[in-house]
Amino acid sequence: MAVLDTLPKTSPSTTPAAPAIGETPGAFGAGPELKLDEFLAFRDFVHEKSGMYFPEAKMYLVKNRLANRMKELGIKSYKDYFYMIKYDTTLKEFNVLMNLLTTNETSFFRNLPQLTAFSDEVLPMVLKEKKTQAIKSLRIWSAGCSTGEEPYTVAMMLMEKIPDIASYTIDLVANDISENVLQAARKGIYHELALRSTPKNYMDKYFTKTGSVYRLSEDVKKLVKFSQINLTDQLKMSLIKNVDIIFCRNVTIYFSDDVKRKVTKHFYNSLVKGGYYFIGHSESLHGISKAFKLIYLKNGLVYKKE
């Protein structure tokens, strides 16, 4: 998912976004001065609308990125820009704001041990249970999918691990709050950096190199359905049901605890009985939810709805 530039220095799975040109930690660059009350207005509005929260230590990032956008629009004050966003019922400028304040660094096969736990341990258990019930459908949700690397990785693994996949109804739902990253995801075109962790057999089988970019196979692309969803949107979240496996890795770590609890409850309600919930390997539901059972697998950990 697009995440705010509040990446914690202690997180081993993420890299803090570098300041953009003109952004110097502890100092303010060009543009009008951003007062504390103005910063708090933007911060609280973004938190209310997206669940994402960033501290006053990131005020310089907000200031410089907003100033650049305001210059493009010819807006002179932060207050005017704030009201423009707040009362824009189309949410067009809010989406622009989210793109301004987010970073989208991800890759295929990110955290391979956890993905191996999915493909070699969880998936066989889910398929075995379905076989006993004569059910040939599978529903997986990649929540906060960014530019598509995670759901496409899952799709390729399904194609490798399910010999009779053509006989299954596969519903692989992927969403993000940013429409911009979803547009990029739908194209399925990536640079080498995004494939740095991809096993060679997957590279050879599912990608075609054209110049300096790699194009994903249409067979993989057609398995994934992308849509824009805000994880704090209770109505849209409640419509996603009967999910077998949820991936929401390194996303809710950027939310306040109150929003984490609400989102995690939605995930619990969306899962079928016995469904599985993967979060980032450095994340935990401790203090957030007691509804899930933590399962220890050979290759990683996963939460299960009992």
C-alpha atoms as a PDB file:
ATOM      1  CA  MET A   1       0.000   0.000   0.000  1.00  0.00           C
ATOM      2  CA  ALA A   2       1.052   3.557  -0.431  1.00  0.00           C
ATOM      3  CA  VAL A   3       2.362   4.510   2.972  1.00  0.00           C
ATOM      4  CA  LEU A   4       3.064   7.809   4.629  1.00  0.00           C
ATOM      5  CA  ASP A   5       6.656   8.881   5.016  1.00  0.00           C
ATOM      6  CA  THR A   6       6.734   7.774   8.633  1.00  0.00           C
ATOM      7  CA  LEU A   7       8.712   4.606   8.144  1.00  0.00           C
ATOM      8  CA  PRO A   8      10.229   3.642  11.512  1.00  0.00           C
ATOM      9  CA  LYS A   9      14.008   3.340  11.561  1.00  0.00           C
ATOM     10  CA  THR A  10      13.706   0.078  13.469  1.00  0.00           C
ATOM     11  CA  SER A  11      11.679  -1.709  10.794  1.00  0.00           C
ATOM     12  CA  PRO A  12      13.895  -4.233   8.972  1.00  0.00           C
ATOM     13  CA  SER A  13      11.535  -4.598   6.040  1.00  0.00           C
ATOM     14  CA  THR A  14      11.280  -0.978   4.989  1.00  0.00           C
ATOM     15  CA  THR A  15      13.580   1.861   4.092  1.00  0.00           C
ATOM     16  CA  PRO A  16      12.724   5.385   5.247  1.00  0.00           C
ATOM     17  CA  ALA A  17      11.893   7.626   2.337  1.00  0.00           C
ATOM     18  CA  ALA A  18      14.734   9.990   1.570  1.00  0.00           C
ATOM     19  CA  PRO A  19      13.856  13.676   1.710  1.00  0.00           C
ATOM     20  CA  ALA A  20      12.952  15.070  -1.664  1.00  0.00           C
ATOM     21  CA  ILE A  21      14.977  17.824  -3.286  1.00  0.00           C
ATOM     22  CA  GLY A  22      14.854  20.895  -1.084  1.00  0.00           C
ATOM     23  CA  GLU A  23      13.898  18.883   1.999  1.00  0.00           C
ATOM     24  CA  THR A  24      16.483  19.088   4.744  1.00  0.00           C
ATOM     25  CA  PRO A  25      15.699  17.413   8.084  1.00  0.00           C
ATOM     26  CA  GLY A  26      15.144  19.995  10.770  1.00  0.00           C
ATOM     27  CA  ALA A  27      14.788  22.881   8.326  1.00  0.00           C
ATOM     28  CA  PHE A  28      12.131  24.278   6.040  1.00  0.00           C
ATOM     29  CA  GLY A  29      12.713  24.928   2.372  1.00  0.00           C
ATOM     30  CA  ALA A  30      11.026  27.259  -0.068  1.00  0.00           C
ATOM     31  CA  GLY A  31       7.407  28.280   0.133  1.00  0.00           C
ATOM     32  CA  PRO A  32       5.262  29.886   2.818  1.00  0.00           C
ATOM     33  CA  GLU A  33       5.795  28.937   6.443  1.00  0.00           C
ATOM     34  CA  LEU A  34       3.692  25.991   7.605  1.00  0.00           C
ATOM     35  CA  LYS A  35       2.360  26.792  11.058  1.00  0.00           C
ATOM     36  CA  LEU A  36       1.858  24.035  13.596  1.00  0.00           C
ATOM     37  CA  ASP A  37      -1.928  24.394  13.624  1.00  0.00           C
ATOM     38  CA  GLU A  38      -1.967  24.120   9.812  1.00  0.00           C
ATOM     39  CA  PHE A  39       0.203  21.017   9.918  1.00  0.00           C
ATOM     40  CA  LEU A  40      -2.052  19.460  12.550  1.00  0.00           C
ATOM     41  CA  ALA A  41      -5.107  20.194  10.399  1.00  0.00           C
ATOM     42  CA  PHE A  42      -3.589  18.302   7.458  1.00  0.00           C
ATOM     43  CA  ARG A  43      -2.287  15.524   9.716  1.00  0.00           C
ATOM     44  CA  ASP A  44      -5.612  14.954  11.473  1.00  0.00           C
ATOM     45  CA  PHE A  45      -7.569  15.114   8.206  1.00  0.00           C
ATOM     46  CA  VAL A  46      -5.354  12.489   6.580  1.00  0.00           C
ATOM     47  CA  HIS A  47      -5.628  10.329   9.695  1.00  0.00           C
ATOM     48  CA  GLU A  48      -9.406  10.598   9.691  1.00  0.00           C
ATOM     49  CA  LYS A  49      -9.699   9.791   6.000  1.00  0.00           C
ATOM     50  CA  SER A  50      -7.003   7.135   5.584  1.00  0.00           C
ATOM     51  CA  GLY A  51      -6.062   5.883   9.053  1.00  0.00           C
ATOM     52  CA  MET A  52      -2.451   6.891   8.453  1.00  0.00           C
ATOM     53  CA  TYR A  53      -0.691   8.954  11.061  1.00  0.00           C
ATOM     54  CA  PHE A  54       2.589  10.835  11.020  1.00  0.00           C
ATOM     55  CA  PRO A  55       4.278  12.792  13.815  1.00  0.00           C
ATOM     56  CA  GLU A  56       5.392  16.372  14.063  1.00  0.00           C
ATOM     57  CA  ALA A  57       8.938  15.197  13.264  1.00  0.00           C
ATOM     58  CA  LYS A  58       7.745  14.791   9.647  1.00  0.00           C
ATOM     59  CA  MET A  59       6.441  18.346   9.431  1.00  0.00           C
ATOM     60  CA  TYR A  60       9.276  19.384   7.104  1.00  0.00           C
ATOM     61  CA  LEU A  61       8.299  16.678   4.593  1.00  0.00           C
ATOM     62  CA  VAL A  62       4.678  17.770   4.611  1.00  0.00           C
ATOM     63  CA  LYS A  63       5.628  21.409   4.269  1.00  0.00           C
ATOM     64  CA  ASN A  64       7.871  21.013   1.233  1.00  0.00           C
ATOM     65  CA  ARG A  65       5.662  18.592  -0.653  1.00  0.00           C
ATOM     66  CA  LEU A  66       2.552  20.667  -0.088  1.00  0.00           C
ATOM     67  CA  ALA A  67       4.410  23.829  -1.088  1.00  0.00           C
ATOM     68  CA  ASN A  68       5.388  22.321  -4.438  1.00  0.00           C
ATOM     69  CA  ARG A  69       1.801  21.279  -5.154  1.00  0.00           C
ATOM     70  CA  MET A  70       0.423  24.662  -4.119  1.00  0.00           C
ATOM     71  CA  LYS A  71       2.864  26.356  -6.497  1.00  0.00           C
ATOM     72  CA  GLU A  72       1.554  24.188  -9.337  1.00  0.00           C
ATOM     73  CA  LEU A  73      -2.012  25.213  -8.506  1.00  0.00           C
ATOM     74  CA  GLY A  74      -1.224  28.872  -7.838  1.00  0.00           C
ATOM     75  CA  ILE A  75      -2.483  28.638  -4.257  1.00  0.00           C
ATOM     76  CA  LYS A  76      -0.814  31.042  -1.824  1.00  0.00           C
ATOM     77  CA  SER A  77      -1.740  29.667   1.601  1.00  0.00           C
ATOM     78  CA  TYR A  78      -1.927  26.251   3.278  1.00  0.00           C
ATOM     79  CA  LYS A  79      -5.323  27.147   4.655  1.00  0.00           C
ATOM     80  CA  ASP A  80      -6.728  27.659   1.144  1.00  0.00           C
ATOM     81  CA  TYR A  81      -5.249  24.362  -0.031  1.00  0.00           C
ATOM     82  CA  PHE A  82      -6.614  22.563   3.026  1.00  0.00           C
ATOM     83  CA  TYR A  83     -10.142  23.798   2.406  1.00  0.00           C
ATOM     84  CA  MET A  84      -9.833  22.903  -1.264  1.00  0.00           C
ATOM     85  CA  ILE A  85      -9.104  19.299  -0.260  1.00  0.00           C
ATOM     86  CA  LYS A  86     -11.604  19.142   2.568  1.00  0.00           C
ATOM     87  CA  TYR A  87     -14.575  20.269   0.487  1.00  0.00           C
ATOM     88  CA  ASP A  88     -13.702  18.508  -2.778  1.00  0.00           C
ATOM     89  CA  THR A  89     -16.430  15.870  -2.963  1.00  0.00           C
ATOM     90  CA  THR A  90     -14.752  14.213  -5.961  1.00  0.00           C
ATOM     91  CA  LEU A  91     -11.702  13.371  -3.769  1.00  0.00           C
ATOM     92  CA  LYS A  92      -9.518  14.080  -6.779  1.00  0.00           C
ATOM     93  CA  GLU A  93      -7.196  16.427  -4.942  1.00  0.00           C
ATOM     94  CA  PHE A  94      -7.208  14.224  -1.844  1.00  0.00           C
ATOM     95  CA  ASN A  95      -5.826  11.404  -4.002  1.00  0.00           C
ATOM     96  CA  VAL A  96      -3.152  13.811  -5.238  1.00  0.00           C
ATOM     97  CA  LEU A  97      -2.344  14.646  -1.620  1.00  0.00           C
ATOM     98  CA  MET A  98      -2.005  10.968  -0.736  1.00  0.00           C
ATOM     99  CA  ASN A  99       0.411  10.481  -3.610  1.00  0.00           C
ATOM    100  CA  LEU A 100       2.410  13.485  -2.425  1.00  0.00           C
ATOM    101  CA  LEU A 101       2.771  12.102   1.083  1.00  0.00           C
ATOM    102  CA  THR A 102       3.360   8.455   0.284  1.00  0.00           C
ATOM    103  CA  THR A 103       6.157   6.236  -0.851  1.00  0.00           C
ATOM    104  CA  ASN A 104       5.654   2.948  -2.687  1.00  0.00           C
ATOM    105  CA  GLU A 105       8.720   0.770  -2.339  1.00  0.00           C
ATOM    106  CA  THR A 106       8.010  -2.912  -2.821  1.00  0.00           C
ATOM    107  CA  SER A 107       9.171  -5.870  -4.885  1.00  0.00           C
ATOM    108  CA  PHE A 108       8.171  -9.319  -6.117  1.00  0.00           C
ATOM    109  CA  PHE A 109       8.722 -12.185  -3.662  1.00  0.00           C
ATOM    110  CA  ARG A 110       9.286  -9.796  -0.777  1.00  0.00           C
ATOM    111  CA  ASN A 111      10.019 -11.787   2.398  1.00  0.00           C
ATOM    112  CA  LEU A 112      10.320 -15.148   0.645  1.00  0.00           C
ATOM    113  CA  PRO A 113      10.155 -17.309   3.824  1.00  0.00           C
ATOM    114  CA  GLN A 114       6.706 -15.929   4.612  1.00  0.00           C
ATOM    115  CA  LEU A 115       5.547 -16.494   1.036  1.00  0.00           C
ATOM    116  CA  THR A 116       6.926 -20.035   1.210  1.00  0.00           C
ATOM    117  CA  ALA A 117       4.847 -20.566   4.352  1.00  0.00           C
ATOM    118  CA  PHE A 118       1.854 -19.517   2.266  1.00  0.00           C
ATOM    119  CA  SER A 119       2.582 -21.644  -0.804  1.00  0.00           C
ATOM    120  CA  ASP A 120       3.986 -24.776   0.855  1.00  0.00           C
ATOM    121  CA  GLU A 121       2.062 -24.906   4.125  1.00  0.00           C
ATOM    122  CA  VAL A 122      -1.080 -22.749   4.286  1.00  0.00           C
ATOM    123  CA  LEU A 123      -2.262 -23.221   0.696  1.00  0.00           C
ATOM    124  CA  PRO A 124      -2.149 -27.049   0.824  1.00  0.00           C
ATOM    125  CA  MET A 125      -4.171 -27.006   4.062  1.00  0.00           C
ATOM    126  CA  VAL A 126      -6.775 -24.694   2.547  1.00  0.00           C
ATOM    127  CA  LEU A 127      -7.038 -26.782  -0.634  1.00  0.00           C
ATOM    128  CA  LYS A 128      -7.272 -30.033   1.344  1.00  0.00           C
ATOM    129  CA  GLU A 129     -10.155 -28.625   3.387  1.00  0.00           C
ATOM    130  CA  LYS A 130     -11.934 -27.480   0.233  1.00  0.00           C
ATOM    131  CA  LYS A 131     -11.479 -30.888  -1.340  1.00  0.00           C
ATOM    132  CA  THR A 132     -13.328 -32.539   1.550  1.00  0.00           C
ATOM    133  CA  GLN A 133     -16.193 -30.119   0.934  1.00  0.00           C
ATOM    134  CA  ALA A 134     -16.088 -30.490  -2.857  1.00  0.00           C
ATOM    135  CA  ILE A 135     -15.438 -26.749  -3.186  1.00  0.00           C
ATOM    136  CA  LYS A 136     -13.265 -25.611  -6.083  1.00  0.00           C
ATOM    137  CA  SER A 137     -13.008 -21.921  -5.377  1.00  0.00           C
ATOM    138  CA  LEU A 138     -10.351 -19.833  -3.669  1.00  0.00           C
ATOM    139  CA  ARG A 139     -10.538 -16.233  -2.524  1.00  0.00           C
ATOM    140  CA  ILE A 140      -7.431 -14.286  -1.544  1.00  0.00           C
ATOM    141  CA  TRP A 141      -7.183 -10.613  -0.619  1.00  0.00           C
ATOM    142  CA  SER A 142      -4.062  -8.459  -0.978  1.00  0.00           C
ATOM    143  CA  ALA A 143      -4.940  -5.389   1.085  1.00  0.00           C
ATOM    144  CA  GLY A 144      -2.629  -2.468   0.394  1.00  0.00           C
ATOM    145  CA  CYS A 145      -1.197  -3.921  -2.804  1.00  0.00           C
ATOM    146  CA  SER A 146       0.751  -0.859  -3.991  1.00  0.00           C
ATOM    147  CA  THR A 147       1.935  -1.377  -7.601  1.00  0.00           C
ATOM    148  CA  GLY A 148       0.880  -5.015  -7.703  1.00  0.00           C
ATOM    149  CA  GLU A 149       4.027  -6.971  -6.845  1.00  0.00           C
ATOM    150  CA  GLU A 150       2.442  -8.835  -3.917  1.00  0.00           C
ATOM    151  CA  PRO A 151      -0.795 -10.044  -5.575  1.00  0.00           C
ATOM    152  CA  TYR A 152       1.037 -10.929  -8.771  1.00  0.00           C
ATOM    153  CA  THR A 153       3.558 -12.931  -6.727  1.00  0.00           C
ATOM    154  CA  VAL A 154       0.681 -14.787  -5.084  1.00  0.00           C
ATOM    155  CA  ALA A 155      -0.925 -15.380  -8.484  1.00  0.00           C
ATOM    156  CA  MET A 156       2.275 -16.920  -9.876  1.00  0.00           C
ATOM    157  CA  MET A 157       2.601 -19.143  -6.825  1.00  0.00           C
ATOM    158  CA  LEU A 158      -0.967 -20.348  -7.274  1.00  0.00           C
ATOM    159  CA  MET A 159      -0.220 -21.220 -10.899  1.00  0.00           C
ATOM    160  CA  GLU A 160       2.829 -23.210  -9.786  1.00  0.00           C
ATOM    161  CA  LYS A 161       1.211 -24.986  -6.838  1.00  0.00           C
ATOM    162  CA  ILE A 162      -2.255 -25.854  -8.168  1.00  0.00           C
ATOM    163  CA  PRO A 163      -1.891 -28.287 -11.105  1.00  0.00           C
ATOM    164  CA  ASP A 164      -5.594 -28.128 -11.960  1.00  0.00           C
ATOM    165  CA  ILE A 165      -5.932 -24.390 -11.397  1.00  0.00           C
ATOM    166  CA  ALA A 166      -8.092 -24.062 -14.525  1.00  0.00           C
ATOM    167  CA  SER A 167     -10.805 -26.027 -12.744  1.00  0.00           C
ATOM    168  CA  TYR A 168     -10.844 -23.574  -9.829  1.00  0.00           C
ATOM    169  CA  THR A 169     -12.653 -20.292  -9.501  1.00  0.00           C
ATOM    170  CA  ILE A 170      -9.849 -18.018  -8.350  1.00  0.00           C
ATOM    171  CA  ASP A 171     -10.806 -14.643  -6.896  1.00  0.00           C
ATOM    172  CA  LEU A 172      -7.637 -12.690  -6.100  1.00  0.00           C
ATOM    173  CA  VAL A 173      -8.693  -9.248  -4.901  1.00  0.00           C
ATOM    174  CA  ALA A 174      -6.079  -6.488  -4.634  1.00  0.00           C
ATOM    175  CA  ASN A 175      -6.627  -2.914  -3.528  1.00  0.00           C
ATOM    176  CA  ASP A 176      -4.909   0.268  -2.470  1.00  0.00           C
ATOM    177  CA  ILE A 177      -5.970   3.755  -1.443  1.00  0.00           C
ATOM    178  CA  SER A 178      -3.961   5.309  -4.302  1.00  0.00           C
ATOM    179  CA  GLU A 179      -5.499   5.124  -7.761  1.00  0.00           C
ATOM    180  CA  ASN A 180      -2.139   6.093  -9.266  1.00  0.00           C
ATOM    181  CA  VAL A 181      -0.377   2.957  -8.022  1.00  0.00           C
ATOM    182  CA  LEU A 182      -3.346   0.828  -9.093  1.00  0.00           C
ATOM    183  CA  GLN A 183      -3.071   2.175 -12.633  1.00  0.00           C
ATOM    184  CA  ALA A 184       0.592   1.154 -12.649  1.00  0.00           C
ATOM    185  CA  ALA A 185      -0.292  -2.266 -11.227  1.00  0.00           C
ATOM    186  CA  ARG A 186      -2.819  -2.986 -13.958  1.00  0.00           C
ATOM    187  CA  LYS A 187      -0.166  -2.400 -16.635  1.00  0.00           C
ATOM    188  CA  GLY A 188       2.082  -5.112 -15.248  1.00  0.00           C
ATOM    189  CA  ILE A 189       5.285  -3.429 -16.446  1.00  0.00           C
ATOM    190  CA  TYR A 190       8.255  -3.365 -14.066  1.00  0.00           C
ATOM    191  CA  HIS A 191      11.890  -2.355 -13.875  1.00  0.00           C
ATOM    192  CA  GLU A 192      14.635  -4.738 -12.803  1.00  0.00           C
ATOM    193  CA  LEU A 193      14.742  -3.382  -9.235  1.00  0.00           C
ATOM    194  CA  ALA A 194      11.218  -4.657  -8.564  1.00  0.00           C
ATOM    195  CA  LEU A 195      12.293  -8.156  -9.607  1.00  0.00           C
ATOM    196  CA  ARG A 196      15.511  -8.265  -7.587  1.00  0.00           C
ATOM    197  CA  SER A 197      14.200 -11.094  -5.358  1.00  0.00           C
ATOM    198  CA  THR A 198      12.387 -13.050  -8.068  1.00  0.00           C
ATOM    199  CA  PRO A 199      13.595 -16.638  -8.621  1.00  0.00           C
ATOM    200  CA  LYS A 200      15.010 -17.222 -12.108  1.00  0.00           C
ATOM    201  CA  ASN A 201      12.450 -19.887 -13.021  1.00  0.00           C
ATOM    202  CA  TYR A 202       9.652 -17.363 -12.379  1.00  0.00           C
ATOM    203  CA  MET A 203      11.487 -14.671 -14.354  1.00  0.00           C
ATOM    204  CA  ASP A 204      11.874 -16.969 -17.353  1.00  0.00           C
ATOM    205  CA  LYS A 205       8.326 -18.304 -17.230  1.00  0.00           C
ATOM    206  CA  TYR A 206       6.202 -15.280 -16.406  1.00  0.00           C
ATOM    207  CA  PHE A 207       8.093 -12.206 -17.661  1.00  0.00           C
ATOM    208  CA  THR A 208       9.173 -10.921 -21.055  1.00  0.00           C
ATOM    209  CA  LYS A 209      11.972  -8.387 -21.199  1.00  0.00           C
ATOM    210  CA  THR A 210      11.417  -5.490 -23.582  1.00  0.00           C
ATOM    211  CA  GLY A 211      14.265  -3.013 -23.589  1.00  0.00           C
ATOM    212  CA  SER A 212      14.878  -2.052 -19.968  1.00  0.00           C
ATOM    213  CA  VAL A 213      11.495  -3.211 -18.629  1.00  0.00           C
ATOM    214  CA  TYR A 214       9.846  -6.520 -17.846  1.00  0.00           C
ATOM    215  CA  ARG A 215       6.282  -7.270 -18.927  1.00  0.00           C
ATOM    216  CA  LEU A 216       4.219  -9.653 -16.854  1.00  0.00           C
ATOM    217  CA  SER A 217       2.380 -12.527 -18.526  1.00  0.00           C
ATOM    218  CA  GLU A 218      -1.260 -11.870 -19.355  1.00  0.00           C
ATOM    219  CA  ASP A 219      -2.139 -15.225 -17.749  1.00  0.00           C
ATOM    220  CA  VAL A 220      -0.902 -13.874 -14.423  1.00  0.00           C
ATOM    221  CA  LYS A 221      -2.469 -10.453 -14.842  1.00  0.00           C
ATOM    222  CA  LYS A 222      -5.941 -11.821 -15.513  1.00  0.00           C
ATOM    223  CA  LEU A 223      -5.985 -13.631 -12.154  1.00  0.00           C
ATOM    224  CA  VAL A 224      -5.854 -10.358 -10.181  1.00  0.00           C
ATOM    225  CA  LYS A 225      -8.725  -7.889  -9.823  1.00  0.00           C
ATOM    226  CA  PHE A 226      -7.581  -4.421  -8.724  1.00  0.00           C
ATOM    227  CA  SER A 227      -9.837  -1.847  -7.083  1.00  0.00           C
ATOM    228  CA  GLN A 228      -9.476   1.318  -5.032  1.00  0.00           C
ATOM    229  CA  ILE A 229     -10.390   0.861  -1.378  1.00  0.00           C
ATOM    230  CA  ASN A 230      -9.653   2.899   1.709  1.00  0.00           C
ATOM    231  CA  LEU A 231      -9.162   0.421   4.561  1.00  0.00           C
ATOM    232  CA  THR A 232     -11.037   2.802   6.867  1.00  0.00           C
ATOM    233  CA  ASP A 233     -14.119   2.742   4.636  1.00  0.00           C
ATOM    234  CA  GLN A 234     -16.427   0.587   6.737  1.00  0.00           C
ATOM    235  CA  LEU A 235     -18.998   0.059   3.992  1.00  0.00           C
ATOM    236  CA  LYS A 236     -16.573  -1.105   1.313  1.00  0.00           C
ATOM    237  CA  MET A 237     -14.653  -3.248   3.781  1.00  0.00           C
ATOM    238  CA  SER A 238     -17.846  -4.958   4.934  1.00  0.00           C
ATOM    239  CA  LEU A 239     -18.661  -5.963   1.346  1.00  0.00           C
ATOM    240  CA  ILE A 240     -15.578  -8.177   1.042  1.00  0.00           C
ATOM    241  CA  LYS A 241     -16.597 -11.544   2.481  1.00  0.00           C
ATOM    242  CA  ASN A 242     -15.771 -15.258   2.410  1.00  0.00           C
ATOM    243  CA  VAL A 243     -12.031 -14.693   2.044  1.00  0.00           C
ATOM    244  CA  ASP A 244      -9.758 -17.699   2.573  1.00  0.00           C
ATOM    245  CA  ILE A 245      -6.448 -15.851   2.959  1.00  0.00           C
ATOM    246  CA  ILE A 246      -5.641 -12.196   3.590  1.00  0.00           C
ATOM    247  CA  PHE A 247      -2.292 -10.503   3.019  1.00  0.00           C
ATOM    248  CA  CYS A 248      -1.889  -7.107   4.667  1.00  0.00           C
ATOM    249  CA  ARG A 249       1.837  -6.799   5.180  1.00  0.00           C
ATOM    250  CA  ASN A 250       3.629  -3.631   6.318  1.00  0.00           C
ATOM    251  CA  VAL A 251       0.465  -1.559   5.924  1.00  0.00           C
ATOM    252  CA  THR A 252      -1.348  -1.178   9.246  1.00  0.00           C
ATOM    253  CA  ILE A 253       1.979  -0.527  10.961  1.00  0.00           C
ATOM    254  CA  TYR A 254       1.520   3.074   9.784  1.00  0.00           C
ATOM    255  CA  PHE A 255      -1.933   3.384  11.359  1.00  0.00           C
ATOM    256  CA  SER A 256      -2.828   4.578  14.820  1.00  0.00           C
ATOM    257  CA  ASP A 257      -3.707   1.744  17.232  1.00  0.00           C
ATOM    258  CA  ASP A 258      -7.385   2.681  17.172  1.00  0.00           C
ATOM    259  CA  VAL A 259      -7.519   2.398  13.382  1.00  0.00           C
ATOM    260  CA  LYS A 260      -5.492  -0.831  13.493  1.00  0.00           C
ATOM    261  CA  ARG A 261      -8.116  -2.385  15.758  1.00  0.00           C
ATOM    262  CA  LYS A 262     -10.971  -1.379  13.463  1.00  0.00           C
ATOM    263  CA  VAL A 263      -9.230  -2.588  10.303  1.00  0.00           C
ATOM    264  CA  THR A 264      -8.178  -5.878  11.918  1.00  0.00           C
ATOM    265  CA  LYS A 265     -11.773  -6.463  13.020  1.00  0.00           C
ATOM    266  CA  HIS A 266     -12.905  -5.968   9.418  1.00  0.00           C
ATOM    267  CA  PHE A 267     -10.338  -8.504   8.244  1.00  0.00           C
ATOM    268  CA  TYR A 268     -11.565 -10.985  10.854  1.00  0.00           C
ATOM    269  CA  ASN A 269     -15.155 -10.544   9.680  1.00  0.00           C
ATOM    270  CA  SER A 270     -14.100 -10.921   6.032  1.00  0.00           C
ATOM    271  CA  LEU A 271     -12.386 -14.265   6.564  1.00  0.00           C
ATOM    272  CA  VAL A 272     -14.141 -17.617   6.417  1.00  0.00           C
ATOM    273  CA  LYS A 273     -13.956 -19.791   9.513  1.00  0.00           C
ATOM    274  CA  GLY A 274     -10.451 -21.213   9.543  1.00  0.00           C
ATOM    275  CA  GLY A 275      -9.162 -18.445   7.266  1.00  0.00           C
ATOM    276  CA  TYR A 276      -5.577 -17.159   7.443  1.00  0.00           C
ATOM    277  CA  TYR A 277      -4.213 -13.639   7.927  1.00  0.00           C
ATOM    278  CA  PHE A 278      -0.624 -12.742   6.957  1.00  0.00           C
ATOM    279  CA  ILE A 279       0.898  -9.545   8.330  1.00  0.00           C
ATOM    280  CA  GLY A 280       4.450  -8.208   8.006  1.00  0.00           C
ATOM    281  CA  HIS A 281       7.089 -10.416   9.622  1.00  0.00           C
ATOM    282  CA  SER A 282       8.038  -7.553  11.968  1.00  0.00           C
ATOM    283  CA  GLU A 283       4.403  -6.842  12.896  1.00  0.00           C
ATOM    284  CA  SER A 284       2.212  -8.261  15.658  1.00  0.00           C
ATOM    285  CA  LEU A 285      -1.419  -8.207  16.728  1.00  0.00           C
ATOM    286  CA  HIS A 286      -0.367  -7.905  20.367  1.00  0.00           C
ATOM    287  CA  GLY A 287      -2.569  -5.270  21.964  1.00  0.00           C
ATOM    288  CA  ILE A 288      -4.621  -5.003  18.774  1.00  0.00           C
ATOM    289  CA  SER A 289      -6.729  -8.183  18.603  1.00  0.00           C
ATOM    290  CA  LYS A 290      -7.204 -11.393  20.581  1.00  0.00           C
ATOM    291  CA  ALA A 291      -9.620 -12.858  18.047  1.00  0.00           C
ATOM    292  CA  PHE A 292      -6.953 -14.638  15.992  1.00  0.00           C
ATOM    293  CA  LYS A 293      -4.842 -17.655  16.925  1.00  0.00           C
ATOM    294  CA  LEU A 294      -1.141 -17.379  16.118  1.00  0.00           C
ATOM    295  CA  ILE A 295       0.043 -20.427  14.168  1.00  0.00           C
ATOM    296  CA  TYR A 296       3.730 -21.377  14.096  1.00  0.00           C
ATOM    297  CA  LEU A 297       4.737 -22.841  10.733  1.00  0.00           C
ATOM    298  CA  LYS A 298       8.057 -24.195   9.489  1.00  0.00           C
ATOM    299  CA  ASN A 299       8.722 -21.129   7.341  1.00  0.00           C
ATOM    300  CA  GLY A 300       6.957 -18.393   9.283  1.00  0.00           C
ATOM    301  CA  LEU A 301       3.974 -17.297  11.343  1.00  0.00           C
ATOM    302  CA  VAL A 302       0.364 -16.716  10.387  1.00  0.00           C
ATOM    303  CA  TYR A 303      -2.815 -15.756  12.231  1.00  0.00           C
ATOM    304  CA  LYS A 304      -5.859 -17.986  11.914  1.00  0.00           C
ATOM    305  CA  LYS A 305      -9.561 -17.336  12.449  1.00  0.00           C
ATOM    306  CA  GLU A 306     -11.016 -20.180  14.473  1.00  0.00           C
END
